[in-house]
Amino acid sequence: MALFEAVHPVAASILQEHGFRVDSLKHSPSAQELVELAKSSTLIGVRSKTKITAQLLRDSPALAAIGCFCIGTDQVDASAAALGIPIFNAPFSNTRSVAEMTLAEIICLSRALFQKSSQLHVGRWDKSSKNSREVRGRTLGIIGYGHIGSQLSVLAESLGMRVVFFDTARKLALGNAHSLANMDAVLAASDFVSLHVPDMATTRNLIGAAQLQNMKPGAMLVNNSRGKVVDLVALAASLKSGHVGGAAVDVFPEEPAENGDGFSTPLAGLANVILTPHIGGSTEEAQEAIAIDVAEKLARFWTQGCTATSVNFPAVDLPNVRSGQVRILHVHQNVPGVLSKMHTLLANAGVNINAEHLQSDQNTSYVILDVDAFQDANIMNALRTLPETIRMRVAG
């Protein structure tokens, strides 16, 4: 097993307890380094920088699963499912960290704390209340009312803010928050707008020149979601014109692969902008929680075959295999008759099936079979060589 990008060490401890030898790297590997490690690894764990390409997946026949020790999984090519490789992530483990940072940035923007601090660093004393306001009584608009957005909603209300939100799915409003009919209504009503949406075709450039113009004059924007959600050139122009009063941005369309690499953005040098290097979820608490979550999902998949929490795979789960039984994990093309062939092979060999769970998506089927223990290797070979088989193994 290989872990990249300084995954919290608790992940290695959990996987070692399940018998894995773990190679941990503090950096994102080079292309050649990644190829060599993936070829020899049963499982690999990445964060946001390491890109798992379709070619890498095809060239790594031993690779059984991928753990993304972060919220997103877009760094892994979508062909993983077709190759029988489930992907696991930690979609909720850093929600509190992101919500806390967002609220802190809202306060800092409202009080112009970064500008005041920067001025003192160069010896300029400016003790003034101009453009400095409390957040109490002001309106926070949240676009995307999921786990982060809803937590932010509760935190903001505790400070006396009014909260409105919009989400494409119907969501239960917490506290005194109000759901509005569309995003434009939120933009028009809010003193602060915070974005908490995934990276999808429908969210790229979600906030452009037209949407920024719909915001209240002087309102402020926070983007701690995904880098391609906001048109940064349009945002810079709106900030320079004074229509948008300030912004905090933690995510960018293109981000450096390593600490210390060069970086540029249209927002650089603007005094009323807080720039942070994608650290919304980078707290010790969040990284430990993510490591535990993903490592336990990988271990459960390897030992039991569970894919119930995978983001790209049919969700299959059974209780622990009982003594005297063998658990067969079989991934195959979703076409008629495969399960019947498997049943026939086992029945003809005198092997009894004790438990079974099958789920399918459009292209792929995944079945767990708990059968009486047997010694005949020909049975496994026959299952493995069915024309529809994508991959197969015995759990544990």
Protein backbone atom coordinates (compact mmCIF):
# COMPACT_ATOMS: atom_id res chain seq x y z
CA MET A 1 0.00 0.00 0.00
CA ALA A 2 1.24 3.49 -0.85
CA LEU A 3 0.10 6.76 0.75
CA PHE A 4 1.01 10.05 -0.92
CA GLU A 5 1.03 13.74 0.04
CA ALA A 6 1.61 13.42 3.80
CA VAL A 7 -1.59 11.62 4.71
CA HIS A 8 -2.00 11.73 8.49
CA PRO A 9 0.01 8.84 10.06
CA VAL A 10 -3.05 7.35 11.75
CA ALA A 11 -4.05 6.00 8.32
CA ALA A 12 -0.86 3.94 8.06
CA SER A 13 -1.42 2.62 11.59
CA ILE A 14 -4.94 1.44 10.77
CA LEU A 15 -3.85 -0.25 7.55
CA GLN A 16 -0.84 -1.88 9.21
CA GLU A 17 -3.20 -3.37 11.78
CA HIS A 18 -4.91 -5.11 8.86
CA GLY A 19 -1.65 -6.57 7.59
CA PHE A 20 -0.59 -4.00 5.00
CA ARG A 21 2.97 -2.85 4.48
CA VAL A 22 2.60 0.87 3.99
CA ASP A 23 4.92 3.19 2.05
CA SER A 24 4.21 6.81 3.05
CA LEU A 25 5.42 9.76 0.97
CA LYS A 26 5.24 13.36 2.14
CA HIS A 27 5.03 14.68 -1.41
CA SER A 28 3.00 14.15 -4.54
CA PRO A 29 5.06 11.64 -6.54
CA SER A 30 6.54 12.35 -9.93
CA ALA A 31 4.90 10.62 -12.89
CA GLN A 32 7.56 7.89 -13.00
CA GLU A 33 7.54 7.40 -9.23
CA LEU A 34 3.76 7.08 -9.30
CA VAL A 35 3.89 4.48 -12.07
CA GLU A 36 6.36 2.31 -10.16
CA LEU A 37 4.52 2.53 -6.86
CA ALA A 38 1.08 1.90 -8.40
CA LYS A 39 2.29 -1.22 -10.22
CA SER A 40 3.35 -2.82 -6.94
CA SER A 41 0.48 -1.60 -4.74
CA THR A 42 -2.80 -3.26 -3.87
CA LEU A 43 -4.20 0.00 -2.50
CA ILE A 44 -3.08 3.59 -2.94
CA GLY A 45 -4.06 6.72 -1.03
CA VAL A 46 -3.86 10.23 -2.46
CA ARG A 47 -4.91 13.73 -1.56
CA SER A 48 -5.79 16.44 -4.07
CA LYS A 49 -2.55 16.85 -6.05
CA THR A 50 -1.77 13.32 -7.27
CA LYS A 51 -3.52 12.59 -10.56
CA ILE A 52 -4.53 9.00 -11.29
CA THR A 53 -4.89 8.71 -15.06
CA ALA A 54 -6.69 6.09 -17.12
CA GLN A 55 -3.34 4.84 -18.43
CA LEU A 56 -2.01 4.42 -14.90
CA LEU A 57 -5.09 2.43 -13.94
CA ARG A 58 -4.72 0.14 -16.95
CA ASP A 59 -1.03 -0.41 -16.19
CA SER A 60 -1.64 -1.35 -12.54
CA PRO A 61 -3.34 -4.77 -12.56
CA ALA A 62 -2.71 -5.37 -8.84
CA LEU A 63 -4.48 -2.16 -7.83
CA ALA A 64 -7.73 -3.07 -6.07
CA ALA A 65 -8.96 0.26 -4.64
CA ILE A 66 -8.08 3.94 -4.30
CA GLY A 67 -8.53 6.11 -1.23
CA CYS A 68 -8.89 9.87 -1.72
CA PHE A 69 -7.96 11.40 1.63
CA CYS A 70 -10.02 14.52 0.94
CA ILE A 71 -13.54 15.52 -0.06
CA GLY A 72 -13.31 15.29 -3.85
CA THR A 73 -12.38 12.42 -6.15
CA ASP A 74 -11.91 14.28 -9.44
CA GLN A 75 -8.16 13.56 -9.33
CA VAL A 76 -8.95 9.94 -10.27
CA ASP A 77 -9.96 9.11 -13.85
CA ALA A 78 -13.56 7.97 -14.25
CA SER A 79 -12.46 4.70 -15.92
CA ALA A 80 -11.69 3.24 -12.47
CA ALA A 81 -15.23 1.86 -12.15
CA ALA A 82 -15.09 0.07 -15.50
CA LEU A 83 -11.84 -1.56 -14.39
CA GLY A 84 -13.41 -2.79 -11.16
CA ILE A 85 -11.55 -0.34 -8.90
CA PRO A 86 -13.70 1.36 -6.24
CA ILE A 87 -12.84 4.83 -4.97
CA PHE A 88 -13.36 5.90 -1.38
CA ASN A 89 -13.21 9.41 0.06
CA ALA A 90 -14.09 11.41 3.18
CA PRO A 91 -16.82 13.81 2.12
CA PHE A 92 -17.75 15.07 5.59
CA SER A 93 -14.69 14.80 7.84
CA ASN A 94 -13.40 18.35 7.34
CA THR A 95 -16.73 20.15 7.22
CA ARG A 96 -16.26 21.84 10.59
CA SER A 97 -12.80 23.11 9.67
CA VAL A 98 -14.05 24.70 6.44
CA ALA A 99 -17.11 26.21 8.15
CA GLU A 100 -14.97 27.74 10.91
CA MET A 101 -12.49 29.27 8.46
CA THR A 102 -15.30 30.69 6.35
CA LEU A 103 -16.86 32.39 9.34
CA ALA A 104 -13.47 33.75 10.42
CA GLU A 105 -12.93 35.21 6.93
CA ILE A 106 -16.35 36.84 6.97
CA ILE A 107 -15.45 38.60 10.23
CA CYS A 108 -11.99 39.56 8.94
CA LEU A 109 -13.47 41.02 5.74
CA SER A 110 -16.13 42.92 7.66
CA ARG A 111 -13.54 44.46 10.00
CA ALA A 112 -10.84 44.92 7.31
CA LEU A 113 -8.44 43.09 9.62
CA PHE A 114 -6.05 41.96 6.89
CA GLN A 115 -5.66 45.49 5.55
CA LYS A 116 -5.06 46.87 9.06
CA SER A 117 -2.49 44.16 9.77
CA SER A 118 -0.69 44.71 6.46
CA GLN A 119 -0.44 48.44 7.14
CA LEU A 120 1.10 47.90 10.56
CA HIS A 121 3.65 45.50 9.06
CA VAL A 122 4.98 48.38 6.96
CA GLY A 123 4.84 50.87 9.84
CA ARG A 124 1.57 52.64 9.01
CA TRP A 125 -0.84 53.32 11.90
CA ASP A 126 -4.50 53.60 10.84
CA LYS A 127 -6.85 53.53 13.83
CA SER A 128 -10.11 54.15 12.01
CA SER A 129 -13.59 52.64 12.02
CA LYS A 130 -14.18 53.42 8.36
CA ASN A 131 -15.41 50.35 6.41
CA SER A 132 -15.33 48.30 9.62
CA ARG A 133 -18.63 46.76 10.70
CA GLU A 134 -20.00 44.06 12.97
CA VAL A 135 -21.47 41.00 11.31
CA ARG A 136 -24.38 40.91 13.76
CA GLY A 137 -27.62 41.74 12.00
CA ARG A 138 -26.17 41.34 8.52
CA THR A 139 -27.26 38.74 5.96
CA LEU A 140 -25.19 35.75 4.95
CA GLY A 141 -26.17 34.03 1.71
CA ILE A 142 -25.06 30.42 1.30
CA ILE A 143 -24.96 28.77 -2.13
CA GLY A 144 -24.96 25.01 -1.49
CA TYR A 145 -26.61 23.98 1.79
CA GLY A 146 -24.88 20.66 2.32
CA HIS A 147 -22.77 19.55 5.26
CA ILE A 148 -20.48 22.60 5.19
CA GLY A 149 -23.09 25.16 4.23
CA SER A 150 -25.51 24.02 6.91
CA GLN A 151 -22.82 24.04 9.61
CA LEU A 152 -21.81 27.54 8.56
CA SER A 153 -25.47 28.51 8.79
CA VAL A 154 -25.65 27.46 12.45
CA LEU A 155 -22.36 29.16 13.35
CA ALA A 156 -23.38 32.40 11.63
CA GLU A 157 -26.74 32.51 13.41
CA SER A 158 -24.95 32.14 16.74
CA LEU A 159 -23.32 35.51 15.98
CA GLY A 160 -26.68 37.11 15.24
CA MET A 161 -26.50 36.94 11.45
CA ARG A 162 -29.51 36.38 9.25
CA VAL A 163 -29.02 33.40 6.91
CA VAL A 164 -30.57 32.73 3.51
CA PHE A 165 -29.55 29.95 1.17
CA PHE A 166 -30.14 28.21 -2.12
CA ASP A 167 -29.49 24.59 -3.01
CA THR A 168 -30.49 22.69 -6.14
CA ALA A 169 -31.92 19.95 -3.89
CA ARG A 170 -34.60 20.62 -1.31
CA LYS A 171 -32.90 20.97 2.09
CA LEU A 172 -34.27 21.33 5.59
CA ALA A 173 -33.41 24.78 6.91
CA LEU A 174 -31.62 24.75 10.26
CA GLY A 175 -32.39 27.30 12.95
CA ASN A 176 -33.95 30.42 11.47
CA ALA A 177 -32.33 30.13 8.03
CA HIS A 178 -34.54 30.66 4.99
CA SER A 179 -34.40 28.89 1.64
CA LEU A 180 -34.80 31.22 -1.35
CA ALA A 181 -36.13 30.30 -4.76
CA ASN A 182 -32.90 30.69 -6.74
CA MET A 183 -29.27 31.78 -6.57
CA ASP A 184 -29.95 35.28 -7.88
CA ALA A 185 -32.35 35.90 -4.99
CA VAL A 186 -29.59 34.96 -2.55
CA LEU A 187 -27.04 37.18 -4.30
CA ALA A 188 -29.39 40.17 -4.24
CA ALA A 189 -30.30 39.76 -0.55
CA SER A 190 -26.89 39.10 1.01
CA ASP A 191 -24.16 41.20 2.57
CA PHE A 192 -21.87 38.16 2.37
CA VAL A 193 -22.09 35.26 -0.08
CA SER A 194 -20.35 31.97 0.67
CA LEU A 195 -20.06 29.19 -1.93
CA HIS A 196 -20.19 25.51 -0.98
CA VAL A 197 -20.81 23.58 -4.20
CA PRO A 198 -19.02 20.64 -5.87
CA ASP A 199 -16.95 20.79 -9.04
CA MET A 200 -19.38 19.86 -11.82
CA ALA A 201 -20.06 21.02 -15.35
CA THR A 202 -23.03 22.99 -14.01
CA THR A 203 -20.99 24.79 -11.32
CA ARG A 204 -18.00 25.89 -13.38
CA ASN A 205 -18.04 29.68 -13.68
CA LEU A 206 -21.19 29.63 -11.59
CA ILE A 207 -20.21 33.11 -10.44
CA GLY A 208 -19.24 35.35 -13.35
CA ALA A 209 -19.63 39.01 -14.25
CA ALA A 210 -23.44 38.86 -14.44
CA GLN A 211 -23.80 37.16 -11.05
CA LEU A 212 -21.33 39.55 -9.40
CA GLN A 213 -23.34 42.47 -10.74
CA ASN A 214 -26.44 40.95 -9.10
CA MET A 215 -24.79 41.17 -5.68
CA LYS A 216 -25.56 44.11 -3.42
CA PRO A 217 -23.07 47.00 -3.83
CA GLY A 218 -20.32 46.46 -1.28
CA ALA A 219 -21.26 42.84 -0.59
CA MET A 220 -18.43 40.35 -0.09
CA LEU A 221 -17.78 36.92 -1.60
CA VAL A 222 -16.14 33.84 -0.05
CA ASN A 223 -15.17 30.82 -2.14
CA ASN A 224 -13.87 27.85 -0.16
CA SER A 225 -15.44 25.25 -2.45
CA ARG A 226 -13.84 24.59 -5.85
CA GLY A 227 -11.44 26.67 -7.92
CA LYS A 228 -13.42 26.73 -11.15
CA VAL A 229 -16.67 27.94 -9.58
CA VAL A 230 -15.73 31.65 -9.78
CA ASP A 231 -14.47 33.61 -12.77
CA LEU A 232 -11.49 35.26 -11.05
CA VAL A 233 -10.90 37.81 -13.82
CA ALA A 234 -14.50 39.01 -13.46
CA LEU A 235 -14.17 39.03 -9.67
CA ALA A 236 -10.98 41.10 -9.84
CA ALA A 237 -12.71 43.62 -12.10
CA SER A 238 -15.69 43.89 -9.78
CA LEU A 239 -13.42 44.36 -6.75
CA LYS A 240 -11.43 47.09 -8.50
CA SER A 241 -14.62 48.89 -9.47
CA GLY A 242 -15.81 48.76 -5.85
CA HIS A 243 -19.05 46.93 -6.61
CA VAL A 244 -17.88 43.86 -4.68
CA GLY A 245 -16.54 45.08 -1.36
CA GLY A 246 -14.14 42.24 -0.62
CA ALA A 247 -13.44 38.57 -1.16
CA ALA A 248 -11.80 35.55 0.41
CA VAL A 249 -10.59 32.77 -1.91
CA ASP A 250 -9.03 29.48 -0.85
CA VAL A 251 -9.31 27.52 -4.11
CA PHE A 252 -8.06 28.28 -7.62
CA PRO A 253 -8.51 26.92 -11.17
CA GLU A 254 -4.83 25.94 -11.31
CA GLU A 255 -2.91 25.17 -8.13
CA PRO A 256 0.81 24.39 -7.64
CA ALA A 257 1.76 20.75 -7.21
CA GLU A 258 4.20 21.40 -4.36
CA ASN A 259 4.71 23.86 -1.52
CA GLY A 260 7.09 26.59 -2.64
CA ASP A 261 6.11 26.43 -6.31
CA GLY A 262 5.24 29.68 -8.07
CA PHE A 263 1.66 30.92 -8.08
CA SER A 264 -0.27 33.76 -9.66
CA THR A 265 -3.88 34.92 -9.66
CA PRO A 266 -5.78 37.95 -10.98
CA LEU A 267 -6.65 38.74 -7.35
CA ALA A 268 -3.05 39.21 -6.22
CA GLY A 269 -2.26 42.60 -4.73
CA LEU A 270 -5.85 43.65 -4.06
CA ALA A 271 -6.02 44.97 -0.50
CA ASN A 272 -9.59 43.84 0.18
CA VAL A 273 -8.93 40.18 -0.73
CA ILE A 274 -7.89 37.32 1.55
CA LEU A 275 -5.95 34.64 -0.36
CA THR A 276 -5.19 31.27 1.23
CA PRO A 277 -3.50 28.20 -0.34
CA HIS A 278 -6.37 25.65 -0.29
CA ILE A 279 -6.25 25.16 3.48
CA GLY A 280 -9.96 25.19 4.33
CA GLY A 281 -9.82 21.60 5.55
CA SER A 282 -6.20 21.68 6.65
CA THR A 283 -6.48 21.39 10.40
CA GLU A 284 -4.95 18.64 12.50
CA GLU A 285 -8.41 17.56 13.59
CA ALA A 286 -9.75 17.36 10.05
CA GLN A 287 -6.73 15.54 8.62
CA GLU A 288 -6.85 12.95 11.39
CA ALA A 289 -10.59 12.43 10.91
CA ILE A 290 -10.13 12.07 7.14
CA ALA A 291 -7.30 9.57 7.62
CA ILE A 292 -9.37 7.42 9.97
CA ASP A 293 -12.45 7.55 7.74
CA VAL A 294 -10.75 6.60 4.45
CA ALA A 295 -8.33 4.06 5.96
CA GLU A 296 -11.19 2.20 7.66
CA LYS A 297 -13.19 2.19 4.41
CA LEU A 298 -10.20 0.73 2.52
CA ALA A 299 -9.59 -1.87 5.22
CA ARG A 300 -13.24 -2.90 5.24
CA PHE A 301 -13.25 -3.22 1.47
CA TRP A 302 -10.14 -5.39 1.51
CA THR A 303 -11.21 -7.66 4.37
CA GLN A 304 -14.95 -7.85 3.69
CA GLY A 305 -15.51 -6.53 0.16
CA CYS A 306 -17.74 -3.68 1.37
CA THR A 307 -18.33 -0.94 -1.23
CA ALA A 308 -21.29 0.73 0.53
CA THR A 309 -19.36 4.01 0.87
CA SER A 310 -17.64 4.02 -2.53
CA VAL A 311 -18.35 6.99 -4.80
CA ASN A 312 -18.12 5.12 -8.11
CA PHE A 313 -19.18 1.55 -7.49
CA PRO A 314 -22.32 -0.53 -6.88
CA ALA A 315 -22.96 -0.51 -3.12
CA VAL A 316 -22.60 -4.04 -1.77
CA ASP A 317 -22.18 -5.12 1.85
CA LEU A 318 -22.61 -8.26 3.94
CA PRO A 319 -21.90 -9.02 7.60
CA ASN A 320 -18.55 -10.57 8.49
CA VAL A 321 -17.92 -13.90 6.79
CA ARG A 322 -18.57 -16.81 9.15
CA SER A 323 -16.07 -19.45 10.14
CA GLY A 324 -15.75 -22.26 7.60
CA GLN A 325 -16.88 -20.09 4.69
CA VAL A 326 -15.13 -18.34 1.81
CA ARG A 327 -16.13 -14.87 0.55
CA ILE A 328 -15.90 -14.45 -3.23
CA LEU A 329 -15.89 -10.89 -4.60
CA HIS A 330 -16.76 -10.81 -8.28
CA VAL A 331 -16.95 -7.73 -10.54
CA HIS A 332 -18.42 -8.34 -13.98
CA GLN A 333 -20.12 -6.67 -16.92
CA ASN A 334 -23.78 -5.90 -16.30
CA VAL A 335 -25.24 -8.29 -18.85
CA PRO A 336 -27.85 -11.05 -18.42
CA GLY A 337 -26.87 -14.53 -17.30
CA VAL A 338 -23.60 -13.98 -15.40
CA LEU A 339 -25.02 -14.81 -11.98
CA SER A 340 -26.64 -17.93 -13.40
CA LYS A 341 -23.27 -19.08 -14.76
CA MET A 342 -21.64 -18.52 -11.37
CA HIS A 343 -24.38 -20.44 -9.57
CA THR A 344 -24.07 -23.32 -12.01
CA LEU A 345 -20.29 -23.54 -11.63
CA LEU A 346 -20.56 -23.65 -7.85
CA ALA A 347 -23.48 -26.07 -7.83
CA ASN A 348 -21.75 -28.48 -10.22
CA ALA A 349 -18.74 -28.47 -7.89
CA GLY A 350 -20.94 -29.20 -4.88
CA VAL A 351 -20.26 -25.81 -3.26
CA ASN A 352 -23.15 -24.38 -1.23
CA ILE A 353 -23.96 -20.65 -1.30
CA ASN A 354 -24.79 -19.32 2.18
CA ALA A 355 -25.23 -15.61 1.47
CA GLU A 356 -25.29 -13.37 -1.57
CA HIS A 357 -25.62 -9.67 -2.34
CA LEU A 358 -25.60 -8.19 -5.85
CA GLN A 359 -25.85 -4.60 -7.01
CA SER A 360 -25.38 -3.13 -10.47
CA ASP A 361 -25.02 0.20 -12.20
CA GLN A 362 -25.44 0.80 -15.92
CA ASN A 363 -22.23 -1.00 -16.90
CA THR A 364 -20.92 -2.93 -13.91
CA SER A 365 -22.23 -5.56 -11.50
CA TYR A 366 -20.63 -6.50 -8.20
CA VAL A 367 -21.58 -9.58 -6.21
CA ILE A 368 -20.43 -10.93 -2.85
CA LEU A 369 -20.88 -14.67 -2.41
CA ASP A 370 -20.30 -16.41 0.93
CA VAL A 371 -19.86 -20.13 0.18
CA ASP A 372 -18.75 -23.25 2.00
CA ALA A 373 -14.98 -23.54 2.15
CA PHE A 374 -13.48 -25.59 -0.70
CA GLN A 375 -10.04 -26.62 -1.91
CA ASP A 376 -10.57 -26.94 -5.65
CA ALA A 377 -8.58 -24.18 -7.39
CA ASN A 378 -10.36 -24.98 -10.66
CA ILE A 379 -13.53 -23.39 -9.30
CA MET A 380 -11.81 -20.05 -8.79
CA ASN A 381 -10.15 -20.26 -12.20
CA ALA A 382 -13.51 -20.96 -13.83
CA LEU A 383 -15.10 -17.93 -12.16
CA ARG A 384 -12.12 -15.75 -13.02
CA THR A 385 -12.15 -16.74 -16.70
CA LEU A 386 -15.84 -16.14 -17.36
CA PRO A 387 -15.95 -13.85 -20.43
CA GLU A 388 -17.84 -11.19 -18.49
CA THR A 389 -15.44 -11.08 -15.51
CA ILE A 390 -13.72 -7.73 -14.89
CA ARG A 391 -11.88 -8.82 -11.74
CA MET A 392 -12.29 -11.28 -8.91
CA ARG A 393 -10.70 -12.06 -5.58
CA VAL A 394 -11.34 -13.73 -2.25
CA ALA A 395 -11.76 -11.26 0.63
CA GLY A 396 -9.22 -11.13 3.43
